[in-house]
Amino acid sequence: MKRIIWKTAAVAAVAALALTACSSGDSGDSEPTASSTGPDTSPVTLNFTWWGNDDRAARYNEALALFKEKYPYITVQTSFAAFPDYWTARSTEAAGRALPDVMQFDLSYLREFNQNGQLLDLQEWVDNGTIDLSGFDETLTQAGVLEDKMIGIPTSTNTFAMFQNPNVIEQTGATFPDEAEYTWEDYNEFIAEVSEAGEKTADGYGLYGGTDYTGTFWFFIQWLLQKGITPFEEDGTFGFDEAEIVEFLDLTADLRADKLVFPVDRNVSLAPKGGFTVNETASEMSWDNFLAGYVADSGTDNLAMAQIPSIEPGEKALFFKPSMLLSSGANTKYPEQAATLINFLLTDPEVGTIFGTSKGVPADDEQRAAVDTTEGSVDAQVIAYEEKIAEQVTESTPIPVKGFGTIESKWRTLAEELGYGTITPEDFAEQWFAEAELSTQ
């Protein structure tokens, strides 16, 4: 990938299994001993957790097996969860200052968890060489710095893509619009065309054009950027009002009324999967690094990636976002060993080969070079996509406000109620802002 992609992205400033503990335990029963001649090699146990599906768990297990070979004195106990459940668990742990030694972190939650000093400042371990950031773009690493503390280090980057299932599209006889020029209205017409075809799966489930994309807060943020609106001001206030929320939700009002988007009750019954992962929808907008998970969950590699729709033809207003970060709880008994694990997961070339682009395009030079770029491979497709849309990346990554995780969760809850028809877009906007005002104080 051309290096310019990383430098043009101003990254100063996100669903799988329910909470599943692969193993459990505390952070070890031996205290570290100081060493002036090298790293402390006393036996310790670290807790490491992430959000993701079975595919991600398998990749982490493979990577951690390599870590154990290189660092036999460090035992890593793991757990993972679906994204919403993951943050519920982290919030509970944070209240008791019992966060894991190492954990995947999302940009949206950095401010919330940093406010009470709950995350370890990793700068000390960067300065002493335990964590090597020489292969990272400095602009990217700044995404994990708040109040002059490095509380998270990006593993990779991603941006939005429109995923397509050509098998479903062909079965319904629909035609996907021109990806370079299509608008939200054009996309709505495609959704309706697929859904109205009345085709079903072999199991008798109806095929739909897509889900109600207005149910995702980040898509609202993307839409605001296309309108030229800054979602979050520097002072932590919102750059939009209830009218913009209603306008966005109304984009799919007719599709909801005519029951042409993927049914909410079916979506709930499939959780943690969704319509696209079980081959019941023709399209799904999401982060581009989801391709690997979609291929694994759907059982087909015949999936395609296209650009997202826009308000004005061709004006995508895309941004690159750190797909995730690695952080450590400030309460860890073993910061040096936690930093060692973080460095391994961030920079080891073999780890880069194992994960490919499943977590986004790797941030580290050596890991990125280790990605399989065989023509047609999942990794090659994601990298090619980011190169293709590079000129459309014209916006800085929005810096999430304090309490972002809470207001994002509230958006999901209200979207489900909207899908069931129990509230109106106006109710949605009023209730969401009421929650947002409390959460961002």
Protein backbone atom coordinates (compact mmCIF):
# COMPACT_ATOMS: atom_id res chain seq x y z
CA MET A 1 0.00 0.00 0.00
CA LYS A 2 1.21 3.48 -0.77
CA ARG A 3 2.46 5.19 2.34
CA ILE A 4 0.58 8.35 1.42
CA ILE A 5 -2.65 6.68 2.53
CA TRP A 6 -1.54 6.83 6.13
CA LYS A 7 -0.30 10.40 5.97
CA THR A 8 -3.41 11.80 4.36
CA ALA A 9 -5.62 10.40 7.07
CA ALA A 10 -5.83 12.74 9.99
CA VAL A 11 -6.58 10.08 12.53
CA ALA A 12 -6.75 12.14 15.67
CA ALA A 13 -9.78 10.85 16.78
CA VAL A 14 -16.81 1.10 15.63
CA ALA A 15 -20.99 -7.91 15.94
CA ALA A 16 -20.23 -11.18 16.87
CA LEU A 17 -20.53 -13.55 19.87
CA ALA A 18 -22.04 -13.04 23.31
CA LEU A 19 -19.59 -12.79 26.18
CA THR A 20 -17.57 -15.96 26.13
CA ALA A 21 -14.74 -16.68 28.51
CA CYS A 22 -12.17 -18.88 26.90
CA SER A 23 -10.46 -19.05 30.26
CA SER A 24 -10.51 -17.00 33.40
CA GLY A 25 -8.50 -16.02 36.42
CA ASP A 26 -6.84 -13.12 38.12
CA SER A 27 -3.72 -11.34 36.97
CA GLY A 28 -1.36 -13.90 38.47
CA ASP A 29 -0.15 -14.73 41.93
CA SER A 30 3.48 -13.72 41.77
CA GLU A 31 4.81 -10.20 42.16
CA PRO A 32 7.27 -8.92 39.54
CA THR A 33 10.88 -8.48 40.50
CA ALA A 34 12.97 -5.55 39.37
CA SER A 35 15.75 -6.27 36.92
CA SER A 36 18.58 -3.94 35.99
CA THR A 37 20.09 -6.31 33.43
CA GLY A 38 17.09 -7.11 31.24
CA PRO A 39 13.39 -7.83 31.18
CA ASP A 40 11.79 -9.45 34.19
CA THR A 41 11.25 -13.15 33.41
CA SER A 42 9.40 -14.14 36.56
CA PRO A 43 6.34 -16.29 35.72
CA VAL A 44 3.20 -14.16 35.46
CA THR A 45 -0.34 -14.48 34.14
CA LEU A 46 -1.95 -11.74 32.06
CA ASN A 47 -5.63 -11.32 31.25
CA PHE A 48 -6.32 -10.35 27.64
CA THR A 49 -9.74 -9.66 26.16
CA TRP A 50 -11.20 -8.51 22.85
CA TRP A 51 -14.46 -8.18 20.96
CA GLY A 52 -15.01 -10.26 17.84
CA ASN A 53 -16.26 -13.51 16.39
CA ASP A 54 -14.95 -17.09 16.25
CA ASP A 55 -12.69 -16.21 13.33
CA ARG A 56 -10.94 -13.49 15.33
CA ALA A 57 -10.66 -15.79 18.34
CA ALA A 58 -8.97 -18.46 16.22
CA ARG A 59 -6.47 -15.91 14.90
CA TYR A 60 -5.70 -14.60 18.38
CA ASN A 61 -5.23 -18.12 19.70
CA GLU A 62 -2.75 -18.84 16.91
CA ALA A 63 -0.87 -15.61 17.61
CA LEU A 64 -0.80 -16.24 21.36
CA ALA A 65 0.63 -19.71 20.80
CA LEU A 66 3.56 -18.02 19.06
CA PHE A 67 3.83 -15.53 21.90
CA LYS A 68 4.07 -18.38 24.42
CA GLU A 69 6.93 -19.89 22.44
CA LYS A 70 8.86 -16.62 22.54
CA TYR A 71 7.90 -15.64 26.10
CA PRO A 72 7.34 -18.90 28.00
CA TYR A 73 7.28 -17.12 31.35
CA ILE A 74 4.10 -15.19 30.42
CA THR A 75 0.78 -17.05 30.49
CA VAL A 76 -2.12 -15.31 28.74
CA GLN A 77 -5.70 -16.03 29.77
CA THR A 78 -8.31 -14.85 27.27
CA SER A 79 -11.95 -13.90 26.86
CA PHE A 80 -13.99 -12.23 24.14
CA ALA A 81 -17.47 -10.87 23.52
CA ALA A 82 -19.82 -9.19 21.09
CA PHE A 83 -19.15 -5.45 20.86
CA PRO A 84 -22.03 -4.19 23.08
CA ASP A 85 -21.50 -6.87 25.75
CA TYR A 86 -17.78 -6.22 25.68
CA TRP A 87 -18.17 -2.62 26.83
CA THR A 88 -20.73 -3.51 29.47
CA ALA A 89 -18.13 -5.84 30.98
CA ARG A 90 -15.34 -3.25 30.73
CA SER A 91 -17.49 -0.61 32.44
CA THR A 92 -18.18 -2.99 35.32
CA GLU A 93 -14.47 -3.76 35.68
CA ALA A 94 -13.51 -0.10 35.50
CA ALA A 95 -15.86 0.71 38.37
CA GLY A 96 -13.85 -1.69 40.52
CA ARG A 97 -10.49 -0.70 38.99
CA ALA A 98 -10.11 -4.25 37.71
CA LEU A 99 -9.62 -3.76 33.97
CA PRO A 100 -7.71 -6.50 32.09
CA ASP A 101 -3.95 -6.32 31.72
CA VAL A 102 -4.30 -6.01 27.94
CA MET A 103 -7.46 -5.34 25.94
CA GLN A 104 -8.69 -4.28 22.55
CA PHE A 105 -9.92 -0.71 22.77
CA ASP A 106 -12.11 1.43 20.57
CA LEU A 107 -11.49 5.08 19.83
CA SER A 108 -15.04 5.85 20.94
CA TYR A 109 -14.35 4.88 24.56
CA LEU A 110 -10.91 6.43 25.16
CA ARG A 111 -12.16 9.66 26.73
CA GLU A 112 -14.65 7.85 28.94
CA PHE A 113 -12.09 5.44 30.40
CA ASN A 114 -9.29 7.98 30.56
CA GLN A 115 -11.15 10.49 32.71
CA ASN A 116 -10.48 8.65 35.97
CA GLY A 117 -7.01 7.42 35.10
CA GLN A 118 -8.21 3.90 34.33
CA LEU A 119 -5.81 3.27 31.42
CA LEU A 120 -2.06 2.80 31.68
CA ASP A 121 0.17 5.43 30.09
CA LEU A 122 2.24 3.32 27.68
CA GLN A 123 4.70 6.10 26.85
CA GLU A 124 7.23 4.81 29.42
CA TRP A 125 7.32 1.46 27.63
CA VAL A 126 7.69 3.13 24.26
CA ASP A 127 10.54 5.27 25.57
CA ASN A 128 12.45 2.29 26.99
CA GLY A 129 12.03 0.24 23.81
CA THR A 130 9.63 -2.41 25.12
CA ILE A 131 7.10 -1.16 22.56
CA ASP A 132 8.62 -0.37 19.16
CA LEU A 133 6.69 2.22 17.16
CA SER A 134 9.39 2.86 14.56
CA GLY A 135 7.21 1.25 11.89
CA PHE A 136 4.17 3.43 12.65
CA ASP A 137 3.11 6.73 11.15
CA GLU A 138 3.30 9.28 13.97
CA THR A 139 -0.01 10.81 12.92
CA LEU A 140 -1.68 7.47 13.49
CA THR A 141 -0.18 6.85 16.93
CA GLN A 142 -1.45 10.25 18.09
CA ALA A 143 -4.98 8.84 17.89
CA GLY A 144 -4.27 7.04 21.17
CA VAL A 145 -2.86 10.08 23.00
CA LEU A 146 -5.09 12.05 25.38
CA GLU A 147 -3.90 14.67 27.86
CA ASP A 148 -0.30 13.87 26.87
CA LYS A 149 -0.73 10.20 27.82
CA MET A 150 -0.44 7.34 25.34
CA ILE A 151 -3.35 5.24 26.56
CA GLY A 152 -3.87 3.22 23.40
CA ILE A 153 -1.90 2.24 20.31
CA PRO A 154 -3.72 1.66 16.99
CA THR A 155 -3.39 -1.81 15.54
CA SER A 156 -4.74 -0.91 12.12
CA THR A 157 -6.96 1.43 10.12
CA ASN A 158 -10.24 1.08 8.30
CA THR A 159 -12.91 3.06 6.48
CA PHE A 160 -16.45 2.46 5.31
CA ALA A 161 -17.32 0.11 2.46
CA MET A 162 -20.51 -1.25 0.95
CA PHE A 163 -20.38 -5.04 0.93
CA GLN A 164 -22.35 -6.94 -1.70
CA ASN A 165 -23.44 -10.56 -2.04
CA PRO A 166 -23.49 -11.19 -5.82
CA ASN A 167 -25.31 -14.51 -5.30
CA VAL A 168 -28.29 -12.79 -3.69
CA ILE A 169 -28.25 -9.95 -6.22
CA GLU A 170 -28.27 -12.41 -9.11
CA GLN A 171 -31.04 -14.52 -7.57
CA THR A 172 -33.29 -11.48 -7.23
CA GLY A 173 -32.45 -10.04 -10.64
CA ALA A 174 -31.45 -6.69 -9.17
CA THR A 175 -28.72 -4.35 -10.38
CA PHE A 176 -26.38 -2.52 -8.02
CA PRO A 177 -25.98 1.17 -8.94
CA ASP A 178 -22.76 2.81 -10.11
CA GLU A 179 -20.61 2.83 -6.98
CA ALA A 180 -18.77 6.02 -7.91
CA GLU A 181 -21.86 8.17 -8.33
CA TYR A 182 -24.82 6.63 -6.49
CA THR A 183 -26.70 8.53 -3.80
CA TRP A 184 -28.54 7.39 -0.68
CA GLU A 185 -31.77 7.54 -2.68
CA ASP A 186 -30.23 5.30 -5.36
CA TYR A 187 -29.20 2.83 -2.67
CA ASN A 188 -32.72 2.85 -1.23
CA GLU A 189 -34.08 1.97 -4.67
CA PHE A 190 -31.68 -0.98 -4.84
CA ILE A 191 -32.79 -2.20 -1.40
CA ALA A 192 -36.41 -2.01 -2.51
CA GLU A 193 -35.71 -3.78 -5.82
CA VAL A 194 -34.14 -6.77 -4.08
CA SER A 195 -36.76 -6.99 -1.34
CA GLU A 196 -39.71 -6.65 -3.71
CA ALA A 197 -38.44 -9.55 -5.84
CA GLY A 198 -39.94 -11.90 -3.23
CA GLU A 199 -37.13 -14.45 -3.46
CA LYS A 200 -36.34 -16.78 -0.55
CA THR A 201 -33.43 -18.83 0.76
CA ALA A 202 -33.45 -22.62 0.65
CA ASP A 203 -34.73 -22.50 4.24
CA GLY A 204 -37.65 -20.29 3.28
CA TYR A 205 -36.41 -16.95 4.61
CA GLY A 206 -37.03 -13.86 2.52
CA LEU A 207 -34.19 -12.08 0.75
CA TYR A 208 -33.77 -8.35 1.37
CA GLY A 209 -31.72 -5.59 -0.17
CA GLY A 210 -30.16 -4.56 3.12
CA THR A 211 -30.69 -3.56 6.73
CA ASP A 212 -31.84 -0.15 7.94
CA TYR A 213 -28.51 1.68 7.86
CA THR A 214 -29.87 4.60 9.89
CA GLY A 215 -29.60 2.37 12.95
CA THR A 216 -25.82 2.87 13.12
CA PHE A 217 -24.52 6.07 14.74
CA TRP A 218 -21.27 6.07 12.76
CA PHE A 219 -23.24 6.12 9.51
CA PHE A 220 -25.02 9.23 10.77
CA ILE A 221 -21.60 10.77 11.43
CA GLN A 222 -20.51 9.88 7.89
CA TRP A 223 -23.70 11.43 6.48
CA LEU A 224 -23.10 14.63 8.49
CA LEU A 225 -19.61 14.92 7.02
CA GLN A 226 -21.11 14.63 3.54
CA LYS A 227 -23.38 17.56 4.45
CA GLY A 228 -20.35 19.57 5.55
CA ILE A 229 -21.29 19.40 9.23
CA THR A 230 -18.64 18.84 11.90
CA PRO A 231 -20.23 16.22 14.20
CA PHE A 232 -18.33 17.16 17.36
CA GLU A 233 -16.95 20.57 18.27
CA GLU A 234 -13.60 21.10 19.98
CA ASP A 235 -15.37 22.09 23.20
CA GLY A 236 -17.10 18.68 23.34
CA THR A 237 -20.50 19.88 22.15
CA PHE A 238 -22.48 18.58 19.18
CA GLY A 239 -22.37 20.22 15.77
CA PHE A 240 -25.84 18.96 14.87
CA ASP A 241 -29.35 19.14 16.31
CA GLU A 242 -32.55 17.09 16.45
CA ALA A 243 -33.55 18.23 12.96
CA GLU A 244 -30.50 16.55 11.41
CA ILE A 245 -31.25 13.31 13.24
CA VAL A 246 -34.83 13.30 11.99
CA GLU A 247 -33.68 14.09 8.45
CA PHE A 248 -31.26 11.16 8.52
CA LEU A 249 -33.79 8.72 9.97
CA ASP A 250 -36.33 9.79 7.36
CA LEU A 251 -34.01 8.54 4.61
CA THR A 252 -35.36 5.03 5.19
CA ALA A 253 -38.85 5.91 6.43
CA ASP A 254 -40.57 4.55 3.32
CA LEU A 255 -38.48 1.36 3.40
CA ARG A 256 -39.45 0.79 7.03
CA ALA A 257 -43.12 1.52 6.37
CA ASP A 258 -43.22 -0.87 3.42
CA LYS A 259 -41.23 -3.53 5.32
CA LEU A 260 -38.52 -3.59 2.67
CA VAL A 261 -35.52 -3.53 5.04
CA PHE A 262 -34.33 -6.64 6.85
CA PRO A 263 -36.85 -7.39 9.67
CA VAL A 264 -35.83 -6.30 13.15
CA ASP A 265 -37.20 -9.46 14.77
CA ARG A 266 -35.24 -11.69 12.39
CA ASN A 267 -32.13 -9.65 13.04
CA VAL A 268 -32.57 -10.06 16.81
CA SER A 269 -33.08 -13.82 16.46
CA LEU A 270 -29.88 -14.15 14.43
CA ALA A 271 -27.71 -12.25 16.92
CA PRO A 272 -24.78 -12.13 17.14
CA LYS A 273 -24.86 -12.67 13.38
CA GLY A 274 -26.97 -10.65 10.97
CA GLY A 275 -28.76 -10.86 7.66
CA PHE A 276 -25.67 -10.37 5.54
CA THR A 277 -23.64 -13.03 7.34
CA VAL A 278 -26.35 -15.65 6.76
CA ASN A 279 -26.80 -14.68 3.09
CA GLU A 280 -30.26 -13.17 3.53
CA THR A 281 -29.40 -9.61 2.47
CA ALA A 282 -27.77 -8.42 -0.72
CA SER A 283 -25.72 -5.65 0.86
CA GLU A 284 -24.34 -4.31 4.12
CA MET A 285 -22.48 -1.10 4.87
CA SER A 286 -19.72 -1.51 7.43
CA TRP A 287 -15.99 -1.05 8.08
CA ASP A 288 -13.86 -2.48 5.30
CA ASN A 289 -11.95 -4.84 7.61
CA PHE A 290 -15.18 -6.80 8.18
CA LEU A 291 -14.59 -8.66 4.91
CA ALA A 292 -12.66 -11.51 6.56
CA GLY A 293 -15.39 -12.04 9.15
CA TYR A 294 -18.13 -11.90 6.52
CA VAL A 295 -16.37 -14.53 4.42
CA ALA A 296 -15.89 -16.77 7.45
CA ASP A 297 -19.45 -16.39 8.77
CA SER A 298 -21.31 -16.53 5.45
CA GLY A 299 -19.46 -19.54 4.09
CA THR A 300 -18.87 -17.88 0.73
CA ASP A 301 -15.94 -15.93 -0.64
CA ASN A 302 -18.10 -14.53 -3.44
CA LEU A 303 -18.49 -11.15 -1.77
CA ALA A 304 -17.68 -7.77 -3.27
CA MET A 305 -16.74 -4.34 -1.90
CA ALA A 306 -17.99 -1.04 -3.29
CA GLN A 307 -17.87 2.59 -2.26
CA ILE A 308 -20.61 3.91 0.02
CA PRO A 309 -23.41 6.17 -1.26
CA SER A 310 -23.29 9.94 -0.91
CA ILE A 311 -25.61 12.94 -0.75
CA GLU A 312 -24.12 14.50 -3.86
CA PRO A 313 -22.87 12.10 -6.57
CA GLY A 314 -19.20 11.24 -6.08
CA GLU A 315 -18.68 13.33 -2.92
CA LYS A 316 -18.05 10.55 -0.38
CA ALA A 317 -16.28 12.60 2.34
CA LEU A 318 -14.64 9.45 3.72
CA PHE A 319 -12.19 9.28 6.62
CA PHE A 320 -9.70 6.72 7.89
CA LYS A 321 -10.27 5.59 11.47
CA PRO A 322 -8.06 3.48 13.72
CA SER A 323 -10.06 0.25 13.58
CA MET A 324 -9.02 -0.60 17.12
CA LEU A 325 -6.28 0.02 19.64
CA LEU A 326 -4.51 -2.01 22.30
CA SER A 327 -4.55 -0.67 25.84
CA SER A 328 -3.69 -1.78 29.36
CA GLY A 329 -5.57 -1.22 32.60
CA ALA A 330 -3.79 1.18 34.93
CA ASN A 331 -4.44 -1.37 37.67
CA THR A 332 -2.23 -4.05 36.07
CA LYS A 333 0.38 -5.59 38.35
CA TYR A 334 2.58 -6.34 35.36
CA PRO A 335 2.95 -3.29 33.11
CA GLU A 336 6.25 -4.46 31.58
CA GLN A 337 4.82 -7.85 30.59
CA ALA A 338 1.61 -6.22 29.35
CA ALA A 339 3.71 -3.90 27.20
CA THR A 340 5.63 -6.92 25.90
CA LEU A 341 2.39 -8.57 24.79
CA ILE A 342 1.14 -5.36 23.21
CA ASN A 343 4.38 -4.93 21.28
CA PHE A 344 4.23 -8.52 20.03
CA LEU A 345 0.65 -8.18 18.80
CA LEU A 346 1.41 -4.83 17.15
CA THR A 347 4.74 -5.51 15.46
CA ASP A 348 5.50 -9.22 15.02
CA PRO A 349 5.43 -10.04 11.26
CA GLU A 350 3.98 -13.51 11.89
CA VAL A 351 1.06 -11.89 13.68
CA GLY A 352 0.59 -9.70 10.62
CA THR A 353 0.36 -12.81 8.47
CA ILE A 354 -2.13 -14.45 10.85
CA PHE A 355 -4.53 -11.50 11.03
CA GLY A 356 -4.06 -10.06 7.57
CA THR A 357 -6.61 -7.27 7.21
CA SER A 358 -9.25 -8.85 9.46
CA LYS A 359 -8.71 -6.06 12.02
CA GLY A 360 -8.03 -3.44 9.36
CA VAL A 361 -4.90 -2.70 7.35
CA PRO A 362 -1.97 -3.16 9.80
CA ALA A 363 -0.46 0.04 11.16
CA ASP A 364 3.08 -1.35 11.48
CA ASP A 365 5.27 -1.44 8.35
CA GLU A 366 6.57 -4.97 8.89
CA GLN A 367 3.15 -6.39 9.69
CA ARG A 368 1.69 -4.71 6.63
CA ALA A 369 4.45 -6.17 4.47
CA ALA A 370 3.63 -9.64 5.84
CA VAL A 371 0.00 -9.50 4.70
CA ASP A 372 -0.99 -11.93 1.94
CA THR A 373 -1.48 -9.86 -1.19
CA THR A 374 -2.19 -12.80 -3.50
CA GLU A 375 -4.60 -11.59 -6.14
CA GLY A 376 -8.16 -12.28 -5.09
CA SER A 377 -7.34 -12.94 -1.43
CA VAL A 378 -9.37 -11.22 1.30
CA ASP A 379 -6.38 -9.16 2.37
CA ALA A 380 -5.57 -8.09 -1.17
CA GLN A 381 -9.17 -6.97 -1.68
CA VAL A 382 -9.17 -4.77 1.43
CA ILE A 383 -5.83 -3.19 0.58
CA ALA A 384 -6.93 -2.62 -3.02
CA TYR A 385 -10.15 -1.03 -1.79
CA GLU A 386 -8.32 1.43 0.47
CA GLU A 387 -6.00 2.35 -2.37
CA LYS A 388 -8.98 2.85 -4.70
CA ILE A 389 -10.83 5.20 -2.37
CA ALA A 390 -7.76 7.09 -1.09
CA GLU A 391 -8.67 10.25 -3.01
CA GLN A 392 -12.15 10.13 -1.45
CA VAL A 393 -10.64 10.30 2.04
CA THR A 394 -11.01 14.03 2.47
CA GLU A 395 -12.10 14.31 6.10
CA SER A 396 -10.31 14.12 9.43
CA THR A 397 -11.43 11.37 11.76
CA PRO A 398 -14.12 12.85 14.04
CA ILE A 399 -12.88 13.01 17.63
CA PRO A 400 -15.55 11.28 19.76
CA VAL A 401 -16.99 13.25 22.65
CA LYS A 402 -16.88 12.13 26.26
CA GLY A 403 -19.52 9.46 26.83
CA PHE A 404 -19.51 8.43 23.16
CA GLY A 405 -19.92 4.76 23.97
CA THR A 406 -23.09 5.45 25.94
CA ILE A 407 -24.69 7.62 23.27
CA GLU A 408 -23.73 5.15 20.55
CA SER A 409 -25.41 2.37 22.53
CA LYS A 410 -28.50 4.55 23.04
CA TRP A 411 -28.68 5.08 19.28
CA ARG A 412 -28.73 1.31 18.71
CA THR A 413 -31.48 0.81 21.29
CA LEU A 414 -33.67 3.55 19.85
CA ALA A 415 -33.07 2.27 16.31
CA GLU A 416 -34.52 -1.09 17.32
CA GLU A 417 -37.60 0.63 18.75
CA LEU A 418 -37.92 2.66 15.56
CA GLY A 419 -37.72 -0.55 13.55
CA TYR A 420 -40.54 -2.07 15.58
CA GLY A 421 -42.59 1.07 15.02
CA THR A 422 -42.98 1.93 18.70
CA ILE A 423 -41.41 5.40 18.34
CA THR A 424 -41.20 8.05 15.62
CA PRO A 425 -38.03 9.73 14.29
CA GLU A 426 -38.99 12.78 16.35
CA ASP A 427 -39.26 10.63 19.50
CA PHE A 428 -35.90 9.10 18.65
CA ALA A 429 -34.19 12.48 18.32
CA GLU A 430 -35.70 13.85 21.53
CA GLN A 431 -34.84 10.78 23.61
CA TRP A 432 -31.36 10.49 22.18
CA PHE A 433 -30.47 14.10 22.93
CA ALA A 434 -31.84 13.76 26.46
CA GLU A 435 -29.43 10.85 27.04
CA ALA A 436 -26.58 12.61 25.24
CA GLU A 437 -26.81 15.72 27.41
CA LEU A 438 -26.43 13.59 30.54
CA SER A 439 -23.69 11.34 29.18
CA THR A 440 -21.42 14.08 27.86
CA GLN A 441 -21.44 16.29 30.95
